[in-house]
Amino acid sequence: MLADIALTFIIAPSALLVLLLCAGAALFAPTAALAAVLIAGVAFWGILVSDMSTRDFAADTEDMTGVVSGGVARRYLRQYAATVLLGLMFTGAVALRWSFAQPVRALALVSGYRWNASRPQR
């Protein structure tokens, strides 16, 4: 999983810069601007991981996954875990800031559910 993340950053070195910018903006932006930081982070994360499942085929390294622990059978699980961890890296600072001011929204962000403040609670 960590090798997939490292390979992602090697293929797209600009992702490290965007990751630092998202984290810095999330830590220093006003609370009202966190949604915009989150949208930017999620958009870049989505673009970054969009080719993760086909990267092995495109780079002609599919055979190398057989020597990794779990081999080809666990490739999907490794790629899924790397995608989730990358998502937490891009959105974790926003979730941390929201955990103090709006804990339900932070939990929704981490769990992947959309929280709608205008909908009445049951």
PDB file of N, CA and C in Angstrom:
ATOM      1  N   MET A   1       0.825  -1.180   0.000  1.00  0.00           N
ATOM      2  CA  MET A   1       0.000   0.000   0.000  1.00  0.00           C
ATOM      3  C   MET A   1       0.878   1.256   0.000  1.00  0.00           C
ATOM      4  N   LEU A   2       1.878   1.288   0.840  1.00  0.00           N
ATOM      5  CA  LEU A   2       2.764   2.447   0.878  1.00  0.00           C
ATOM      6  C   LEU A   2       3.558   2.581  -0.419  1.00  0.00           C
ATOM      7  N   ALA A   3       3.874   1.452  -1.029  1.00  0.00           N
ATOM      8  CA  ALA A   3       4.576   1.507  -2.315  1.00  0.00           C
ATOM      9  C   ALA A   3       3.676   2.110  -3.390  1.00  0.00           C
ATOM     10  N   ASP A   4       2.391   1.794  -3.358  1.00  0.00           N
ATOM     11  CA  ASP A   4       1.452   2.398  -4.308  1.00  0.00           C
ATOM     12  C   ASP A   4       1.365   3.901  -4.097  1.00  0.00           C
ATOM     13  N   ILE A   5       1.356   4.337  -2.857  1.00  0.00           N
ATOM     14  CA  ILE A   5       1.305   5.773  -2.568  1.00  0.00           C
ATOM     15  C   ILE A   5       2.600   6.441  -3.028  1.00  0.00           C
ATOM     16  N   ALA A   6       3.730   5.806  -2.752  1.00  0.00           N
ATOM     17  CA  ALA A   6       5.008   6.367  -3.191  1.00  0.00           C
ATOM     18  C   ALA A   6       5.079   6.438  -4.709  1.00  0.00           C
ATOM     19  N   LEU A   7       4.599   5.401  -5.383  1.00  0.00           N
ATOM     20  CA  LEU A   7       4.591   5.401  -6.841  1.00  0.00           C
ATOM     21  C   LEU A   7       3.685   6.503  -7.378  1.00  0.00           C
ATOM     22  N   THR A   8       2.584   6.742  -6.713  1.00  0.00           N
ATOM     23  CA  THR A   8       1.678   7.816  -7.120  1.00  0.00           C
ATOM     24  C   THR A   8       2.368   9.170  -7.024  1.00  0.00           C
ATOM     25  N   PHE A   9       3.119   9.386  -5.939  1.00  0.00           N
ATOM     26  CA  PHE A   9       3.821  10.662  -5.782  1.00  0.00           C
ATOM     27  C   PHE A   9       5.009  10.775  -6.733  1.00  0.00           C
ATOM     28  N   ILE A  10       5.604   9.660  -7.115  1.00  0.00           N
ATOM     29  CA  ILE A  10       6.705   9.698  -8.076  1.00  0.00           C
ATOM     30  C   ILE A  10       6.180  10.030  -9.468  1.00  0.00           C
ATOM     31  N   ILE A  11       5.042   9.450  -9.814  1.00  0.00           N
ATOM     32  CA  ILE A  11       4.455   9.711 -11.126  1.00  0.00           C
ATOM     33  C   ILE A  11       3.954  11.150 -11.220  1.00  0.00           C
ATOM     34  N   ALA A  12       3.384  11.666 -10.134  1.00  0.00           N
ATOM     35  CA  ALA A  12       2.834  13.026 -10.124  1.00  0.00           C
ATOM     36  C   ALA A  12       3.462  13.820  -8.986  1.00  0.00           C
ATOM     37  N   PRO A  13       4.669  14.345  -9.181  1.00  0.00           N
ATOM     38  CA  PRO A  13       5.320  15.079  -8.099  1.00  0.00           C
ATOM     39  C   PRO A  13       4.582  16.348  -7.692  1.00  0.00           C
ATOM     40  N   SER A  14       3.755  16.884  -8.570  1.00  0.00           N
ATOM     41  CA  SER A  14       2.970  18.061  -8.202  1.00  0.00           C
ATOM     42  C   SER A  14       1.965  17.741  -7.099  1.00  0.00           C
ATOM     43  N   ALA A  15       1.663  16.464  -6.926  1.00  0.00           N
ATOM     44  CA  ALA A  15       0.722  16.062  -5.879  1.00  0.00           C
ATOM     45  C   ALA A  15       1.268  16.395  -4.489  1.00  0.00           C
ATOM     46  N   LEU A  16       2.577  16.304  -4.310  1.00  0.00           N
ATOM     47  CA  LEU A  16       3.158  16.667  -3.017  1.00  0.00           C
ATOM     48  C   LEU A  16       2.955  18.147  -2.728  1.00  0.00           C
ATOM     49  N   LEU A  17       3.138  18.975  -3.739  1.00  0.00           N
ATOM     50  CA  LEU A  17       2.928  20.410  -3.566  1.00  0.00           C
ATOM     51  C   LEU A  17       1.465  20.711  -3.259  1.00  0.00           C
ATOM     52  N   VAL A  18       0.565  20.083  -3.999  1.00  0.00           N
ATOM     53  CA  VAL A  18      -0.867  20.298  -3.755  1.00  0.00           C
ATOM     54  C   VAL A  18      -1.262  19.777  -2.378  1.00  0.00           C
ATOM     55  N   LEU A  19      -0.678  18.665  -1.966  1.00  0.00           N
ATOM     56  CA  LEU A  19      -0.962  18.130  -0.633  1.00  0.00           C
ATOM     57  C   LEU A  19      -0.541  19.120   0.449  1.00  0.00           C
ATOM     58  N   LEU A  20       0.632  19.695   0.312  1.00  0.00           N
ATOM     59  CA  LEU A  20       1.097  20.691   1.277  1.00  0.00           C
ATOM     60  C   LEU A  20       0.241  21.952   1.231  1.00  0.00           C
ATOM     61  N   LEU A  21      -0.152  22.375   0.039  1.00  0.00           N
ATOM     62  CA  LEU A  21      -1.008  23.553  -0.081  1.00  0.00           C
ATOM     63  C   LEU A  21      -2.385  23.317   0.539  1.00  0.00           C
ATOM     64  N   CYS A  22      -2.953  22.148   0.306  1.00  0.00           N
ATOM     65  CA  CYS A  22      -4.264  21.826   0.897  1.00  0.00           C
ATOM     66  C   CYS A  22      -4.180  21.771   2.414  1.00  0.00           C
ATOM     67  N   ALA A  23      -3.135  21.146   2.922  1.00  0.00           N
ATOM     68  CA  ALA A  23      -2.982  21.046   4.375  1.00  0.00           C
ATOM     69  C   ALA A  23      -2.748  22.420   4.988  1.00  0.00           C
ATOM     70  N   GLY A  24      -1.908  23.223   4.359  1.00  0.00           N
ATOM     71  CA  GLY A  24      -1.660  24.568   4.870  1.00  0.00           C
ATOM     72  C   GLY A  24      -2.895  25.447   4.811  1.00  0.00           C
ATOM     73  N   ALA A  25      -3.619  25.366   3.703  1.00  0.00           N
ATOM     74  CA  ALA A  25      -4.845  26.161   3.580  1.00  0.00           C
ATOM     75  C   ALA A  25      -5.888  25.710   4.594  1.00  0.00           C
ATOM     76  N   ALA A  26      -5.971  24.417   4.834  1.00  0.00           N
ATOM     77  CA  ALA A  26      -6.957  23.911   5.799  1.00  0.00           C
ATOM     78  C   ALA A  26      -6.607  24.320   7.223  1.00  0.00           C
ATOM     79  N   LEU A  27      -5.333  24.441   7.517  1.00  0.00           N
ATOM     80  CA  LEU A  27      -4.939  24.815   8.864  1.00  0.00           C
ATOM     81  C   LEU A  27      -5.070  26.310   9.128  1.00  0.00           C
ATOM     82  N   PHE A  28      -4.873  27.128   8.094  1.00  0.00           N
ATOM     83  CA  PHE A  28      -4.854  28.571   8.308  1.00  0.00           C
ATOM     84  C   PHE A  28      -6.066  29.312   7.762  1.00  0.00           C
ATOM     85  N   ALA A  29      -6.913  28.661   6.986  1.00  0.00           N
ATOM     86  CA  ALA A  29      -8.094  29.316   6.421  1.00  0.00           C
ATOM     87  C   ALA A  29      -9.168  29.473   7.495  1.00  0.00           C
ATOM     88  N   PRO A  30     -10.024  30.485   7.341  1.00  0.00           N
ATOM     89  CA  PRO A  30     -11.151  30.606   8.272  1.00  0.00           C
ATOM     90  C   PRO A  30     -12.090  29.411   8.128  1.00  0.00           C
ATOM     91  N   THR A  31     -12.839  29.154   9.167  1.00  0.00           N
ATOM     92  CA  THR A  31     -13.729  27.988   9.162  1.00  0.00           C
ATOM     93  C   THR A  31     -14.727  28.034   8.015  1.00  0.00           C
ATOM     94  N   ALA A  32     -15.182  29.219   7.655  1.00  0.00           N
ATOM     95  CA  ALA A  32     -16.154  29.348   6.566  1.00  0.00           C
ATOM     96  C   ALA A  32     -15.569  28.965   5.214  1.00  0.00           C
ATOM     97  N   ALA A  33     -14.259  29.017   5.067  1.00  0.00           N
ATOM     98  CA  ALA A  33     -13.612  28.703   3.788  1.00  0.00           C
ATOM     99  C   ALA A  33     -13.159  27.256   3.685  1.00  0.00           C
ATOM    100  N   LEU A  34     -13.406  26.465   4.702  1.00  0.00           N
ATOM    101  CA  LEU A  34     -12.930  25.073   4.675  1.00  0.00           C
ATOM    102  C   LEU A  34     -13.623  24.240   3.605  1.00  0.00           C
ATOM    103  N   ALA A  35     -14.866  24.559   3.298  1.00  0.00           N
ATOM    104  CA  ALA A  35     -15.573  23.797   2.256  1.00  0.00           C
ATOM    105  C   ALA A  35     -14.881  23.973   0.904  1.00  0.00           C
ATOM    106  N   ALA A  36     -14.416  25.177   0.611  1.00  0.00           N
ATOM    107  CA  ALA A  36     -13.712  25.410  -0.657  1.00  0.00           C
ATOM    108  C   ALA A  36     -12.381  24.664  -0.686  1.00  0.00           C
ATOM    109  N   VAL A  37     -11.683  24.637   0.423  1.00  0.00           N
ATOM    110  CA  VAL A  37     -10.422  23.882   0.510  1.00  0.00           C
ATOM    111  C   VAL A  37     -10.699  22.398   0.308  1.00  0.00           C
ATOM    112  N   LEU A  38     -11.780  21.923   0.897  1.00  0.00           N
ATOM    113  CA  LEU A  38     -12.157  20.519   0.761  1.00  0.00           C
ATOM    114  C   LEU A  38     -12.485  20.171  -0.687  1.00  0.00           C
ATOM    115  N   ILE A  39     -13.222  21.027  -1.366  1.00  0.00           N
ATOM    116  CA  ILE A  39     -13.570  20.772  -2.764  1.00  0.00           C
ATOM    117  C   ILE A  39     -12.312  20.685  -3.618  1.00  0.00           C
ATOM    118  N   ALA A  40     -11.380  21.600  -3.402  1.00  0.00           N
ATOM    119  CA  ALA A  40     -10.133  21.571  -4.173  1.00  0.00           C
ATOM    120  C   ALA A  40      -9.334  20.302  -3.881  1.00  0.00           C
ATOM    121  N   GLY A  41      -9.251  19.918  -2.612  1.00  0.00           N
ATOM    122  CA  GLY A  41      -8.514  18.713  -2.251  1.00  0.00           C
ATOM    123  C   GLY A  41      -9.143  17.452  -2.816  1.00  0.00           C
ATOM    124  N   VAL A  42     -10.465  17.361  -2.743  1.00  0.00           N
ATOM    125  CA  VAL A  42     -11.149  16.174  -3.263  1.00  0.00           C
ATOM    126  C   VAL A  42     -11.035  16.107  -4.785  1.00  0.00           C
ATOM    127  N   ALA A  43     -11.115  17.257  -5.454  1.00  0.00           N
ATOM    128  CA  ALA A  43     -10.989  17.266  -6.918  1.00  0.00           C
ATOM    129  C   ALA A  43      -9.600  16.782  -7.343  1.00  0.00           C
ATOM    130  N   PHE A  44      -8.558  17.290  -6.697  1.00  0.00           N
ATOM    131  CA  PHE A  44      -7.212  16.854  -7.066  1.00  0.00           C
ATOM    132  C   PHE A  44      -6.995  15.392  -6.700  1.00  0.00           C
ATOM    133  N   TRP A  45      -7.500  14.980  -5.550  1.00  0.00           N
ATOM    134  CA  TRP A  45      -7.371  13.576  -5.141  1.00  0.00           C
ATOM    135  C   TRP A  45      -8.061  12.659  -6.147  1.00  0.00           C
ATOM    136  N   GLY A  46      -9.251  13.035  -6.592  1.00  0.00           N
ATOM    137  CA  GLY A  46      -9.978  12.215  -7.566  1.00  0.00           C
ATOM    138  C   GLY A  46      -9.231  12.068  -8.873  1.00  0.00           C
ATOM    139  N   ILE A  47      -8.637  13.163  -9.327  1.00  0.00           N
ATOM    140  CA  ILE A  47      -7.852  13.109 -10.560  1.00  0.00           C
ATOM    141  C   ILE A  47      -6.600  12.274 -10.351  1.00  0.00           C
ATOM    142  N   LEU A  48      -5.992  12.419  -9.196  1.00  0.00           N
ATOM    143  CA  LEU A  48      -4.745  11.706  -8.895  1.00  0.00           C
ATOM    144  C   LEU A  48      -4.936  10.196  -8.867  1.00  0.00           C
ATOM    145  N   VAL A  49      -6.009   9.725  -8.281  1.00  0.00           N
ATOM    146  CA  VAL A  49      -6.210   8.283  -8.127  1.00  0.00           C
ATOM    147  C   VAL A  49      -7.010   7.665  -9.266  1.00  0.00           C
ATOM    148  N   SER A  50      -7.420   8.468 -10.239  1.00  0.00           N
ATOM    149  CA  SER A  50      -8.273   7.932 -11.301  1.00  0.00           C
ATOM    150  C   SER A  50      -7.584   6.870 -12.144  1.00  0.00           C
ATOM    151  N   ASP A  51      -6.271   6.911 -12.237  1.00  0.00           N
ATOM    152  CA  ASP A  51      -5.578   5.904 -13.042  1.00  0.00           C
ATOM    153  C   ASP A  51      -4.873   4.850 -12.208  1.00  0.00           C
ATOM    154  N   MET A  52      -5.127   4.815 -10.929  1.00  0.00           N
ATOM    155  CA  MET A  52      -4.401   3.879 -10.072  1.00  0.00           C
ATOM    156  C   MET A  52      -4.690   2.426 -10.434  1.00  0.00           C
ATOM    157  N   SER A  53      -5.913   2.122 -10.798  1.00  0.00           N
ATOM    158  CA  SER A  53      -6.242   0.721 -11.097  1.00  0.00           C
ATOM    159  C   SER A  53      -5.666   0.268 -12.433  1.00  0.00           C
ATOM    160  N   THR A  54      -5.412   1.180 -13.352  1.00  0.00           N
ATOM    161  CA  THR A  54      -4.869   0.800 -14.661  1.00  0.00           C
ATOM    162  C   THR A  54      -3.378   1.078 -14.790  1.00  0.00           C
ATOM    163  N   ARG A  55      -2.784   1.647 -13.755  1.00  0.00           N
ATOM    164  CA  ARG A  55      -1.376   2.042 -13.830  1.00  0.00           C
ATOM    165  C   ARG A  55      -0.452   0.850 -14.052  1.00  0.00           C
ATOM    166  N   ASP A  56      -0.715  -0.270 -13.414  1.00  0.00           N
ATOM    167  CA  ASP A  56       0.132  -1.450 -13.577  1.00  0.00           C
ATOM    168  C   ASP A  56       0.128  -1.941 -15.016  1.00  0.00           C
ATOM    169  N   PHE A  57      -1.040  -1.920 -15.639  1.00  0.00           N
ATOM    170  CA  PHE A  57      -1.143  -2.354 -17.026  1.00  0.00           C
ATOM    171  C   PHE A  57      -0.448  -1.361 -17.951  1.00  0.00           C
ATOM    172  N   ALA A  58      -0.655  -0.063 -17.710  1.00  0.00           N
ATOM    173  CA  ALA A  58      -0.054   0.959 -18.574  1.00  0.00           C
ATOM    174  C   ALA A  58       1.465   0.969 -18.476  1.00  0.00           C
ATOM    175  N   ALA A  59       1.989   0.686 -17.293  1.00  0.00           N
ATOM    176  CA  ALA A  59       3.442   0.678 -17.099  1.00  0.00           C
ATOM    177  C   ALA A  59       4.052  -0.691 -17.370  1.00  0.00           C
ATOM    178  N   ASP A  60       3.216  -1.667 -17.749  1.00  0.00           N
ATOM    179  CA  ASP A  60       3.662  -3.027 -18.034  1.00  0.00           C
ATOM    180  C   ASP A  60       4.362  -3.647 -16.825  1.00  0.00           C
ATOM    181  N   THR A  61       3.783  -3.422 -15.648  1.00  0.00           N
ATOM    182  CA  THR A  61       4.343  -3.984 -14.417  1.00  0.00           C
ATOM    183  C   THR A  61       3.351  -4.916 -13.718  1.00  0.00           C
ATOM    184  N   GLU A  62       2.398  -5.427 -14.465  1.00  0.00           N
ATOM    185  CA  GLU A  62       1.406  -6.327 -13.856  1.00  0.00           C
ATOM    186  C   GLU A  62       2.051  -7.574 -13.269  1.00  0.00           C
ATOM    187  N   ASP A  63       3.075  -8.084 -13.924  1.00  0.00           N
ATOM    188  CA  ASP A  63       3.722  -9.304 -13.439  1.00  0.00           C
ATOM    189  C   ASP A  63       4.444  -9.091 -12.120  1.00  0.00           C
ATOM    190  N   MET A  64       4.845  -7.850 -11.840  1.00  0.00           N
ATOM    191  CA  MET A  64       5.555  -7.570 -10.597  1.00  0.00           C
ATOM    192  C   MET A  64       4.648  -7.681  -9.372  1.00  0.00           C
ATOM    193  N   THR A  65       3.335  -7.553  -9.571  1.00  0.00           N
ATOM    194  CA  THR A  65       2.435  -7.645  -8.417  1.00  0.00           C
ATOM    195  C   THR A  65       2.377  -9.059  -7.863  1.00  0.00           C
ATOM    196  N   GLY A  66       2.841 -10.018  -8.619  1.00  0.00           N
ATOM    197  CA  GLY A  66       2.870 -11.387  -8.131  1.00  0.00           C
ATOM    198  C   GLY A  66       3.894 -11.617  -7.036  1.00  0.00           C
ATOM    199  N   VAL A  67       4.921 -10.785  -6.978  1.00  0.00           N
ATOM    200  CA  VAL A  67       5.944 -10.967  -5.957  1.00  0.00           C
ATOM    201  C   VAL A  67       5.631 -10.185  -4.675  1.00  0.00           C
ATOM    202  N   VAL A  68       4.652  -9.306  -4.732  1.00  0.00           N
ATOM    203  CA  VAL A  68       4.261  -8.537  -3.549  1.00  0.00           C
ATOM    204  C   VAL A  68       3.418  -9.431  -2.655  1.00  0.00           C
ATOM    205  N   SER A  69       3.478  -9.208  -1.365  1.00  0.00           N
ATOM    206  CA  SER A  69       2.691 -10.007  -0.424  1.00  0.00           C
ATOM    207  C   SER A  69       1.214  -9.992  -0.811  1.00  0.00           C
ATOM    208  N   GLY A  70       0.651 -11.140  -1.007  1.00  0.00           N
ATOM    209  CA  GLY A  70      -0.745 -11.244  -1.423  1.00  0.00           C
ATOM    210  C   GLY A  70      -0.913 -11.381  -2.922  1.00  0.00           C
ATOM    211  N   GLY A  71       0.092 -10.955  -3.674  1.00  0.00           N
ATOM    212  CA  GLY A  71       0.098 -11.126  -5.124  1.00  0.00           C
ATOM    213  C   GLY A  71      -1.034 -10.417  -5.829  1.00  0.00           C
ATOM    214  N   VAL A  72      -1.415 -10.988  -6.955  1.00  0.00           N
ATOM    215  CA  VAL A  72      -2.452 -10.398  -7.792  1.00  0.00           C
ATOM    216  C   VAL A  72      -3.804 -10.421  -7.090  1.00  0.00           C
ATOM    217  N   ALA A  73      -4.033 -11.421  -6.267  1.00  0.00           N
ATOM    218  CA  ALA A  73      -5.335 -11.550  -5.608  1.00  0.00           C
ATOM    219  C   ALA A  73      -5.626 -10.373  -4.687  1.00  0.00           C
ATOM    220  N   ARG A  74      -4.609  -9.790  -4.096  1.00  0.00           N
ATOM    221  CA  ARG A  74      -4.832  -8.669  -3.180  1.00  0.00           C
ATOM    222  C   ARG A  74      -4.465  -7.316  -3.786  1.00  0.00           C
ATOM    223  N   ARG A  75      -4.240  -7.280  -5.072  1.00  0.00           N
ATOM    224  CA  ARG A  75      -3.892  -6.008  -5.710  1.00  0.00           C
ATOM    225  C   ARG A  75      -5.018  -4.997  -5.550  1.00  0.00           C
ATOM    226  N   TYR A  76      -6.247  -5.426  -5.749  1.00  0.00           N
ATOM    227  CA  TYR A  76      -7.382  -4.513  -5.610  1.00  0.00           C
ATOM    228  C   TYR A  76      -7.454  -3.949  -4.196  1.00  0.00           C
ATOM    229  N   LEU A  77      -7.254  -4.787  -3.211  1.00  0.00           N
ATOM    230  CA  LEU A  77      -7.311  -4.329  -1.822  1.00  0.00           C
ATOM    231  C   LEU A  77      -6.200  -3.324  -1.531  1.00  0.00           C
ATOM    232  N   ARG A  78      -4.995  -3.573  -2.042  1.00  0.00           N
ATOM    233  CA  ARG A  78      -3.900  -2.628  -1.841  1.00  0.00           C
ATOM    234  C   ARG A  78      -4.185  -1.295  -2.515  1.00  0.00           C
ATOM    235  N   GLN A  79      -4.707  -1.341  -3.724  1.00  0.00           N
ATOM    236  CA  GLN A  79      -5.001  -0.105  -4.440  1.00  0.00           C
ATOM    237  C   GLN A  79      -6.148   0.650  -3.773  1.00  0.00           C
ATOM    238  N   TYR A  80      -7.138  -0.069  -3.282  1.00  0.00           N
ATOM    239  CA  TYR A  80      -8.247   0.579  -2.585  1.00  0.00           C
ATOM    240  C   TYR A  80      -7.752   1.239  -1.295  1.00  0.00           C
ATOM    241  N   ALA A  81      -6.924   0.538  -0.532  1.00  0.00           N
ATOM    242  CA  ALA A  81      -6.393   1.101   0.711  1.00  0.00           C
ATOM    243  C   ALA A  81      -5.507   2.309   0.429  1.00  0.00           C
ATOM    244  N   ALA A  82      -4.713   2.258  -0.623  1.00  0.00           N
ATOM    245  CA  ALA A  82      -3.877   3.402  -0.989  1.00  0.00           C
ATOM    246  C   ALA A  82      -4.740   4.595  -1.397  1.00  0.00           C
ATOM    247  N   THR A  83      -5.822   4.337  -2.106  1.00  0.00           N
ATOM    248  CA  THR A  83      -6.739   5.405  -2.490  1.00  0.00           C
ATOM    249  C   THR A  83      -7.376   6.047  -1.272  1.00  0.00           C
ATOM    250  N   VAL A  84      -7.823   5.242  -0.327  1.00  0.00           N
ATOM    251  CA  VAL A  84      -8.431   5.775   0.892  1.00  0.00           C
ATOM    252  C   VAL A  84      -7.417   6.575   1.700  1.00  0.00           C
ATOM    253  N   LEU A  85      -6.204   6.061   1.834  1.00  0.00           N
ATOM    254  CA  LEU A  85      -5.183   6.775   2.587  1.00  0.00           C
ATOM    255  C   LEU A  85      -4.798   8.090   1.910  1.00  0.00           C
ATOM    256  N   LEU A  86      -4.716   8.101   0.593  1.00  0.00           N
ATOM    257  CA  LEU A  86      -4.455   9.350  -0.115  1.00  0.00           C
ATOM    258  C   LEU A  86      -5.593  10.342   0.107  1.00  0.00           C
ATOM    259  N   GLY A  87      -6.825   9.841   0.106  1.00  0.00           N
ATOM    260  CA  GLY A  87      -7.965  10.714   0.378  1.00  0.00           C
ATOM    261  C   GLY A  87      -7.900  11.319   1.765  1.00  0.00           C
ATOM    262  N   LEU A  88      -7.509  10.528   2.736  1.00  0.00           N
ATOM    263  CA  LEU A  88      -7.367  11.059   4.098  1.00  0.00           C
ATOM    264  C   LEU A  88      -6.222  12.063   4.185  1.00  0.00           C
ATOM    265  N   MET A  89      -5.185  11.864   3.381  1.00  0.00           N
ATOM    266  CA  MET A  89      -4.085  12.822   3.387  1.00  0.00           C
ATOM    267  C   MET A  89      -4.537  14.171   2.836  1.00  0.00           C
ATOM    268  N   PHE A  90      -5.366  14.156   1.786  1.00  0.00           N
ATOM    269  CA  PHE A  90      -5.815  15.400   1.175  1.00  0.00           C
ATOM    270  C   PHE A  90      -6.939  16.078   1.959  1.00  0.00           C
ATOM    271  N   THR A  91      -7.713  15.324   2.723  1.00  0.00           N
ATOM    272  CA  THR A  91      -8.852  15.911   3.434  1.00  0.00           C
ATOM    273  C   THR A  91      -8.712  15.854   4.946  1.00  0.00           C
ATOM    274  N   GLY A  92      -7.663  15.254   5.452  1.00  0.00           N
ATOM    275  CA  GLY A  92      -7.513  15.065   6.888  1.00  0.00           C
ATOM    276  C   GLY A  92      -7.411  16.352   7.679  1.00  0.00           C
ATOM    277  N   ALA A  93      -6.730  17.363   7.127  1.00  0.00           N
ATOM    278  CA  ALA A  93      -6.596  18.631   7.850  1.00  0.00           C
ATOM    279  C   ALA A  93      -7.947  19.331   7.982  1.00  0.00           C
ATOM    280  N   VAL A  94      -8.781  19.236   6.954  1.00  0.00           N
ATOM    281  CA  VAL A  94     -10.125  19.813   7.037  1.00  0.00           C
ATOM    282  C   VAL A  94     -10.943  19.060   8.079  1.00  0.00           C
ATOM    283  N   ALA A  95     -10.847  17.744   8.080  1.00  0.00           N
ATOM    284  CA  ALA A  95     -11.568  16.950   9.078  1.00  0.00           C
ATOM    285  C   ALA A  95     -11.097  17.277  10.490  1.00  0.00           C
ATOM    286  N   LEU A  96      -9.809  17.507  10.644  1.00  0.00           N
ATOM    287  CA  LEU A  96      -9.278  17.880  11.956  1.00  0.00           C
ATOM    288  C   LEU A  96      -9.845  19.218  12.414  1.00  0.00           C
ATOM    289  N   ARG A  97      -9.876  20.195  11.527  1.00  0.00           N
ATOM    290  CA  ARG A  97     -10.430  21.502  11.889  1.00  0.00           C
ATOM    291  C   ARG A  97     -11.922  21.410  12.193  1.00  0.00           C
ATOM    292  N   TRP A  98     -12.647  20.634  11.390  1.00  0.00           N
ATOM    293  CA  TRP A  98     -14.087  20.492  11.624  1.00  0.00           C
ATOM    294  C   TRP A  98     -14.379  19.676  12.875  1.00  0.00           C
ATOM    295  N   SER A  99     -13.463  18.839  13.303  1.00  0.00           N
ATOM    296  CA  SER A  99     -13.728  17.995  14.474  1.00  0.00           C
ATOM    297  C   SER A  99     -13.945  18.820  15.731  1.00  0.00           C
ATOM    298  N   PHE A 100     -13.399  20.018  15.784  1.00  0.00           N
ATOM    299  CA  PHE A 100     -13.598  20.883  16.941  1.00  0.00           C
ATOM    300  C   PHE A 100     -14.860  21.730  16.808  1.00  0.00           C
ATOM    301  N   ALA A 101     -15.083  22.306  15.625  1.00  0.00           N
ATOM    302  CA  ALA A 101     -16.216  23.214  15.429  1.00  0.00           C
ATOM    303  C   ALA A 101     -17.498  22.483  15.044  1.00  0.00           C
ATOM    304  N   GLN A 102     -17.383  21.497  14.167  1.00  0.00           N
ATOM    305  CA  GLN A 102     -18.551  20.775  13.653  1.00  0.00           C
ATOM    306  C   GLN A 102     -18.226  19.278  13.602  1.00  0.00           C
ATOM    307  N   PRO A 103     -18.308  18.599  14.741  1.00  0.00           N
ATOM    308  CA  PRO A 103     -17.871  17.198  14.777  1.00  0.00           C
ATOM    309  C   PRO A 103     -18.697  16.264  13.893  1.00  0.00           C
ATOM    310  N   VAL A 104     -19.968  16.554  13.689  1.00  0.00           N
ATOM    311  CA  VAL A 104     -20.787  15.690  12.832  1.00  0.00           C
ATOM    312  C   VAL A 104     -20.318  15.791  11.386  1.00  0.00           C
ATOM    313  N   ARG A 105     -20.013  17.002  10.960  1.00  0.00           N
ATOM    314  CA  ARG A 105     -19.521  17.198   9.600  1.00  0.00           C
ATOM    315  C   ARG A 105     -18.166  16.510   9.414  1.00  0.00           C
ATOM    316  N   ALA A 106     -17.305  16.583  10.413  1.00  0.00           N
ATOM    317  CA  ALA A 106     -16.004  15.921  10.337  1.00  0.00           C
ATOM    318  C   ALA A 106     -16.170  14.407  10.256  1.00  0.00           C
ATOM    319  N   LEU A 107     -17.078  13.871  11.044  1.00  0.00           N
ATOM    320  CA  LEU A 107     -17.334  12.431  10.999  1.00  0.00           C
ATOM    321  C   LEU A 107     -17.905  12.025   9.648  1.00  0.00           C
ATOM    322  N   ALA A 108     -18.768  12.862   9.096  1.00  0.00           N
ATOM    323  CA  ALA A 108     -19.318  12.574   7.775  1.00  0.00           C
ATOM    324  C   ALA A 108     -18.233  12.596   6.710  1.00  0.00           C
ATOM    325  N   LEU A 109     -17.298  13.508   6.844  1.00  0.00           N
ATOM    326  CA  LEU A 109     -16.193  13.575   5.884  1.00  0.00           C
ATOM    327  C   LEU A 109     -15.322  12.333   5.965  1.00  0.00           C
ATOM    328  N   VAL A 110     -14.991  11.928   7.156  1.00  0.00           N
ATOM    329  CA  VAL A 110     -14.134  10.760   7.325  1.00  0.00           C
ATOM    330  C   VAL A 110     -14.856   9.478   6.911  1.00  0.00           C
ATOM    331  N   SER A 111     -16.134   9.391   7.206  1.00  0.00           N
ATOM    332  CA  SER A 111     -16.865   8.170   6.872  1.00  0.00           C
ATOM    333  C   SER A 111     -17.331   8.132   5.426  1.00  0.00           C
ATOM    334  N   GLY A 112     -17.353   9.282   4.767  1.00  0.00           N
ATOM    335  CA  GLY A 112     -17.728   9.305   3.366  1.00  0.00           C
ATOM    336  C   GLY A 112     -19.173   9.642   3.107  1.00  0.00           C
ATOM    337  N   TYR A 113     -19.924   9.949   4.118  1.00  0.00           N
ATOM    338  CA  TYR A 113     -21.310  10.317   3.936  1.00  0.00           C
ATOM    339  C   TYR A 113     -21.454  11.823   3.830  1.00  0.00           C
ATOM    340  N   ARG A 114     -22.459  12.250   3.108  1.00  0.00           N
ATOM    341  CA  ARG A 114     -22.716  13.670   2.952  1.00  0.00           C
ATOM    342  C   ARG A 114     -23.674  14.096   4.048  1.00  0.00           C
ATOM    343  N   TRP A 115     -23.289  15.132   4.772  1.00  0.00           N
ATOM    344  CA  TRP A 115     -24.128  15.651   5.833  1.00  0.00           C
ATOM    345  C   TRP A 115     -24.799  16.907   5.339  1.00  0.00           C
ATOM    346  N   ASN A 116     -26.104  16.987   5.458  1.00  0.00           N
ATOM    347  CA  ASN A 116     -26.855  18.119   4.968  1.00  0.00           C
ATOM    348  C   ASN A 116     -27.427  18.873   6.174  1.00  0.00           C
ATOM    349  N   ALA A 117     -26.927  20.058   6.413  1.00  0.00           N
ATOM    350  CA  ALA A 117     -27.355  20.833   7.582  1.00  0.00           C
ATOM    351  C   ALA A 117     -28.785  21.322   7.451  1.00  0.00           C
ATOM    352  N   SER A 118     -29.316  21.427   6.235  1.00  0.00           N
ATOM    353  CA  SER A 118     -30.665  21.945   6.073  1.00  0.00           C
ATOM    354  C   SER A 118     -31.730  20.879   6.313  1.00  0.00           C
ATOM    355  N   ARG A 119     -31.358  19.620   6.286  1.00  0.00           N
ATOM    356  CA  ARG A 119     -32.332  18.553   6.495  1.00  0.00           C
ATOM    357  C   ARG A 119     -32.595  18.396   7.982  1.00  0.00           C
ATOM    358  N   PRO A 120     -33.856  18.299   8.412  1.00  0.00           N
ATOM    359  CA  PRO A 120     -34.140  18.160   9.842  1.00  0.00           C
ATOM    360  C   PRO A 120     -33.650  16.816  10.373  1.00  0.00           C
ATOM    361  N   GLN A 121     -33.185  16.823  11.595  1.00  0.00           N
ATOM    362  CA  GLN A 121     -32.703  15.607  12.232  1.00  0.00           C
ATOM    363  C   GLN A 121     -33.872  14.792  12.735  1.00  0.00           C
ATOM    364  N   ARG A 122     -33.763  13.480  12.673  1.00  0.00           N
ATOM    365  CA  ARG A 122     -34.847  12.602  13.140  1.00  0.00           C
ATOM    366  C   ARG A 122     -34.507  11.993  14.453  1.00  0.00           C
TER     367      ARG A 122
END
